[in-house]
Amino acid sequence: MYRLGTHDSIDAIPAADWNRLADPDTPFLRHELLAAMERHGCVGEGLGWLPRHLTLRDGRGELVAAAPCYLKLNSYGEFVFDWSWADAYRRCGLRYYPKLVIASPYTPATGPRILVADGPRQDEYAAALIQGSLELAEDLGVSSLHWLFTTEAETRNLEGQGFMRRLGCQFHWDNPGYEDFDHFLGAFSSAKRKQVKRERRRVAEAGIGFRLLSGQEIRDQ
């Protein structure tokens, strides 16, 4: 027997419980990051991201699955570009917003969206959470439910429960062994190499600089 919960703040879920389920190699769904977004106004009603985080607890009350879920009032910050869908709804006299998305806000990086405890019942937990997301979408009366940038295994799992696969295109830079930036520029044509150097020079002339800080060095201000 499972109990599905929805939470309008990530702080309503103990950080240790959430992070126990999160992939340690995927920082974009850490409790700390999602909490920082909420506390500092990166998400919220004014930006069209209303937290509705999903949790699944077993009969003992232990958190066995979770997902970062948001009620969306627009399509900003998702990087899936569904404006044409919204326009099609409008032209048909239908309401596209609000919709429900399960995603890491402002992060077009593929990674686990179904946070689930390891063990023999892992697939069962994931299926129950997906079913819970569908029930939440129906209860809220939203136009649609979107799982964004899921892993291939999750995508197949979602398709098995009736979701449609959305195909997109991303460009990823790969380093085949460049020793430094000048070595990288050596692969360019002369004209493009000059253009890049000119653009970088203009940034420097504008007085723009960068500081690299680790997490512990970044103050709230």
Protein backbone atom coordinates (compact mmCIF):
# COMPACT_ATOMS: atom_id res chain seq x y z
CA MET A 1 0.00 0.00 0.00
CA TYR A 2 1.46 3.35 -1.05
CA ARG A 3 0.60 6.91 -0.15
CA LEU A 4 1.12 9.62 -2.76
CA GLY A 5 1.87 13.12 -1.54
CA THR A 6 2.20 16.52 -3.23
CA HIS A 7 4.17 19.36 -1.69
CA ASP A 8 4.22 23.06 -2.59
CA SER A 9 7.75 23.42 -1.21
CA ILE A 10 10.77 21.13 -1.38
CA ASP A 11 11.47 22.06 2.25
CA ALA A 12 8.35 20.08 3.21
CA ILE A 13 10.38 16.97 2.33
CA PRO A 14 13.37 16.17 4.57
CA ALA A 15 16.58 16.77 2.63
CA ALA A 16 18.14 13.51 3.78
CA ASP A 17 15.14 11.52 2.55
CA TRP A 18 15.10 13.23 -0.86
CA ASN A 19 18.85 13.03 -1.41
CA ARG A 20 18.89 9.36 -0.44
CA LEU A 21 16.88 8.69 -3.61
CA ALA A 22 18.67 11.19 -5.88
CA ASP A 23 21.45 10.12 -8.23
CA PRO A 24 24.70 11.39 -6.64
CA ASP A 25 26.08 12.06 -10.14
CA THR A 26 23.15 14.35 -11.04
CA PRO A 27 23.46 17.60 -9.02
CA PHE A 28 20.50 19.23 -10.77
CA LEU A 29 17.98 17.36 -8.61
CA ARG A 30 19.70 17.68 -5.27
CA HIS A 31 17.46 18.97 -2.49
CA GLU A 32 19.87 21.86 -1.87
CA LEU A 33 19.59 23.18 -5.43
CA LEU A 34 15.80 22.91 -5.65
CA ALA A 35 15.48 24.55 -2.24
CA ALA A 36 17.79 27.41 -3.25
CA MET A 37 15.65 28.06 -6.33
CA GLU A 38 12.55 28.33 -4.18
CA ARG A 39 14.10 30.42 -1.38
CA HIS A 40 15.69 32.93 -3.75
CA GLY A 41 12.72 33.43 -6.05
CA CYS A 42 14.03 31.56 -9.09
CA VAL A 43 10.77 29.63 -9.13
CA GLY A 44 7.36 30.71 -7.91
CA GLU A 45 4.10 32.18 -9.12
CA GLY A 46 5.68 35.29 -10.62
CA LEU A 47 7.83 33.13 -12.89
CA GLY A 48 5.20 30.52 -13.64
CA TRP A 49 6.85 27.66 -11.73
CA LEU A 50 4.64 26.49 -8.85
CA PRO A 51 6.17 23.56 -6.92
CA ARG A 52 4.00 20.47 -6.66
CA HIS A 53 6.66 17.92 -5.78
CA LEU A 54 5.57 14.28 -5.74
CA THR A 55 6.42 11.77 -3.05
CA LEU A 56 5.54 8.11 -2.65
CA ARG A 57 5.68 6.49 0.79
CA ASP A 58 5.23 2.87 1.72
CA GLY A 59 3.06 1.47 4.49
CA ARG A 60 5.72 2.31 7.09
CA GLY A 61 5.83 5.95 5.95
CA GLU A 62 9.27 5.62 4.37
CA LEU A 63 9.95 7.68 1.24
CA VAL A 64 10.48 5.20 -1.62
CA ALA A 65 10.07 7.43 -4.69
CA ALA A 66 9.84 11.12 -5.58
CA ALA A 67 9.84 13.51 -8.52
CA PRO A 68 10.41 17.28 -8.94
CA CYS A 69 7.03 18.47 -10.18
CA TYR A 70 5.80 21.96 -11.09
CA LEU A 71 2.52 23.51 -12.14
CA LYS A 72 3.53 25.69 -15.10
CA LEU A 73 1.78 28.90 -16.09
CA ASN A 74 4.00 29.44 -19.15
CA SER A 75 6.69 27.61 -21.12
CA TYR A 76 9.73 29.60 -20.02
CA GLY A 77 12.75 27.81 -18.60
CA GLU A 78 11.93 24.36 -20.00
CA PHE A 79 13.98 24.35 -23.24
CA VAL A 80 11.47 22.20 -25.11
CA PHE A 81 9.81 25.01 -27.09
CA ASP A 82 6.17 23.98 -27.14
CA TRP A 83 4.86 27.44 -28.07
CA SER A 84 3.27 25.99 -31.22
CA TRP A 85 1.29 23.57 -29.06
CA ALA A 86 0.04 26.44 -26.92
CA ASP A 87 -0.92 28.36 -30.05
CA ALA A 88 -2.77 25.33 -31.44
CA TYR A 89 -4.75 25.05 -28.19
CA ARG A 90 -5.59 28.76 -28.36
CA ARG A 91 -6.79 28.54 -31.97
CA CYS A 92 -9.01 25.62 -31.02
CA GLY A 93 -10.51 27.59 -28.15
CA LEU A 94 -8.74 25.45 -25.53
CA ARG A 95 -6.56 26.39 -22.56
CA TYR A 96 -2.98 25.10 -22.64
CA TYR A 97 -1.88 26.66 -19.35
CA PRO A 98 -1.58 25.59 -16.65
CA LYS A 99 0.22 22.38 -17.49
CA LEU A 100 2.23 20.04 -15.28
CA VAL A 101 5.94 19.37 -15.80
CA ILE A 102 8.39 17.09 -14.07
CA ALA A 103 11.80 18.62 -14.55
CA SER A 104 14.80 20.39 -13.12
CA PRO A 105 14.01 24.08 -13.74
CA TYR A 106 16.14 25.87 -16.34
CA THR A 107 18.25 22.74 -16.85
CA PRO A 108 18.16 21.07 -20.30
CA ALA A 109 20.29 18.16 -19.09
CA THR A 110 19.16 14.56 -19.39
CA GLY A 111 19.07 12.67 -16.11
CA PRO A 112 16.86 10.67 -13.76
CA ARG A 113 13.50 12.25 -13.05
CA ILE A 114 12.07 9.28 -11.17
CA LEU A 115 13.95 9.27 -7.89
CA VAL A 116 13.47 5.80 -6.50
CA ALA A 117 14.93 3.63 -3.77
CA ASP A 118 17.18 0.76 -4.84
CA GLY A 119 15.90 -2.74 -4.34
CA PRO A 120 13.76 -5.49 -5.86
CA ARG A 121 10.64 -3.28 -5.86
CA GLN A 122 12.25 -0.41 -7.73
CA ASP A 123 10.14 -0.88 -10.88
CA GLU A 124 7.00 -1.15 -8.77
CA TYR A 125 7.80 2.12 -7.00
CA ALA A 126 8.49 3.88 -10.31
CA ALA A 127 5.22 2.64 -11.84
CA ALA A 128 3.25 3.80 -8.79
CA LEU A 129 4.86 7.25 -8.96
CA ILE A 130 4.09 7.61 -12.67
CA GLN A 131 0.49 6.61 -12.02
CA GLY A 132 0.39 9.16 -9.21
CA SER A 133 1.57 11.89 -11.57
CA LEU A 134 -1.30 11.08 -13.94
CA GLU A 135 -3.79 11.22 -11.09
CA LEU A 136 -2.42 14.59 -9.99
CA ALA A 137 -2.73 15.96 -13.52
CA GLU A 138 -6.35 14.82 -13.64
CA ASP A 139 -7.11 16.25 -10.21
CA LEU A 140 -5.63 19.63 -11.16
CA GLY A 141 -7.43 19.70 -14.49
CA VAL A 142 -4.32 20.65 -16.43
CA SER A 143 -4.06 20.40 -20.20
CA SER A 144 -1.11 18.03 -20.19
CA LEU A 145 1.68 16.38 -18.23
CA HIS A 146 5.29 16.55 -19.42
CA TRP A 147 8.32 14.60 -18.17
CA LEU A 148 11.32 16.57 -19.43
CA PHE A 149 14.81 15.25 -20.29
CA THR A 150 14.23 11.78 -18.89
CA THR A 151 16.73 8.95 -19.30
CA GLU A 152 16.14 6.45 -22.08
CA ALA A 153 15.04 3.79 -19.59
CA GLU A 154 12.56 6.21 -18.01
CA THR A 155 11.28 7.25 -21.43
CA ARG A 156 10.55 3.62 -22.35
CA ASN A 157 8.85 3.15 -18.98
CA LEU A 158 6.69 6.22 -19.53
CA GLU A 159 5.79 5.11 -23.05
CA GLY A 160 4.67 1.81 -21.57
CA GLN A 161 2.18 3.73 -19.44
CA GLY A 162 0.71 5.65 -22.37
CA PHE A 163 2.96 8.71 -22.66
CA MET A 164 4.04 9.99 -26.08
CA ARG A 165 7.75 10.35 -26.81
CA ARG A 166 8.84 13.86 -27.77
CA LEU A 167 11.90 14.05 -30.00
CA GLY A 168 14.32 16.96 -29.83
CA CYS A 169 17.78 17.93 -30.99
CA GLN A 170 20.72 19.04 -28.86
CA PHE A 171 24.26 19.99 -29.82
CA HIS A 172 27.02 18.83 -27.46
CA TRP A 173 30.63 19.95 -27.62
CA ASP A 174 33.20 17.17 -27.36
CA ASN A 175 36.91 17.58 -26.69
CA PRO A 176 38.88 15.13 -28.88
CA GLY A 177 42.14 16.13 -27.19
CA TYR A 178 42.65 19.88 -27.51
CA GLU A 179 45.51 20.98 -25.27
CA ASP A 180 44.27 24.56 -24.83
CA PHE A 181 42.00 27.14 -26.45
CA ASP A 182 44.55 28.10 -29.12
CA HIS A 183 44.83 24.43 -30.08
CA PHE A 184 41.01 24.38 -30.40
CA LEU A 185 41.07 27.52 -32.59
CA GLY A 186 43.60 25.82 -34.85
CA ALA A 187 40.79 23.62 -36.18
CA PHE A 188 38.92 26.73 -37.42
CA SER A 189 39.25 28.46 -40.76
CA SER A 190 41.30 31.65 -40.68
CA ALA A 191 38.18 33.84 -40.97
CA LYS A 192 36.33 32.10 -38.15
CA ARG A 193 39.44 32.08 -35.97
CA LYS A 194 39.74 35.87 -36.36
CA GLN A 195 36.05 36.29 -35.58
CA VAL A 196 36.30 34.35 -32.33
CA LYS A 197 39.38 36.28 -31.25
CA ARG A 198 37.63 39.57 -32.06
CA GLU A 199 34.56 38.58 -30.01
CA ARG A 200 36.71 37.58 -27.04
CA ARG A 201 38.67 40.82 -27.27
CA ARG A 202 35.45 42.85 -27.19
CA VAL A 203 34.37 41.08 -24.00
CA ALA A 204 37.69 41.96 -22.37
CA GLU A 205 37.48 45.56 -23.58
CA ALA A 206 33.99 45.85 -22.07
CA GLY A 207 35.53 45.16 -18.67
CA ILE A 208 33.67 41.89 -18.15
CA GLY A 209 35.47 39.46 -15.90
CA PHE A 210 34.77 36.12 -14.27
CA ARG A 211 35.37 34.68 -10.84
CA LEU A 212 35.23 30.94 -10.20
CA LEU A 213 33.79 30.04 -6.79
CA SER A 214 33.13 26.69 -5.16
CA GLY A 215 29.84 26.15 -3.39
CA GLN A 216 31.21 26.96 0.06
CA GLU A 217 32.56 30.31 -1.18
CA ILE A 218 29.23 31.59 -2.50
CA ARG A 219 27.42 33.80 -0.01
CA ASP A 220 23.64 34.23 -0.01
CA GLN A 221 23.99 37.83 -1.18
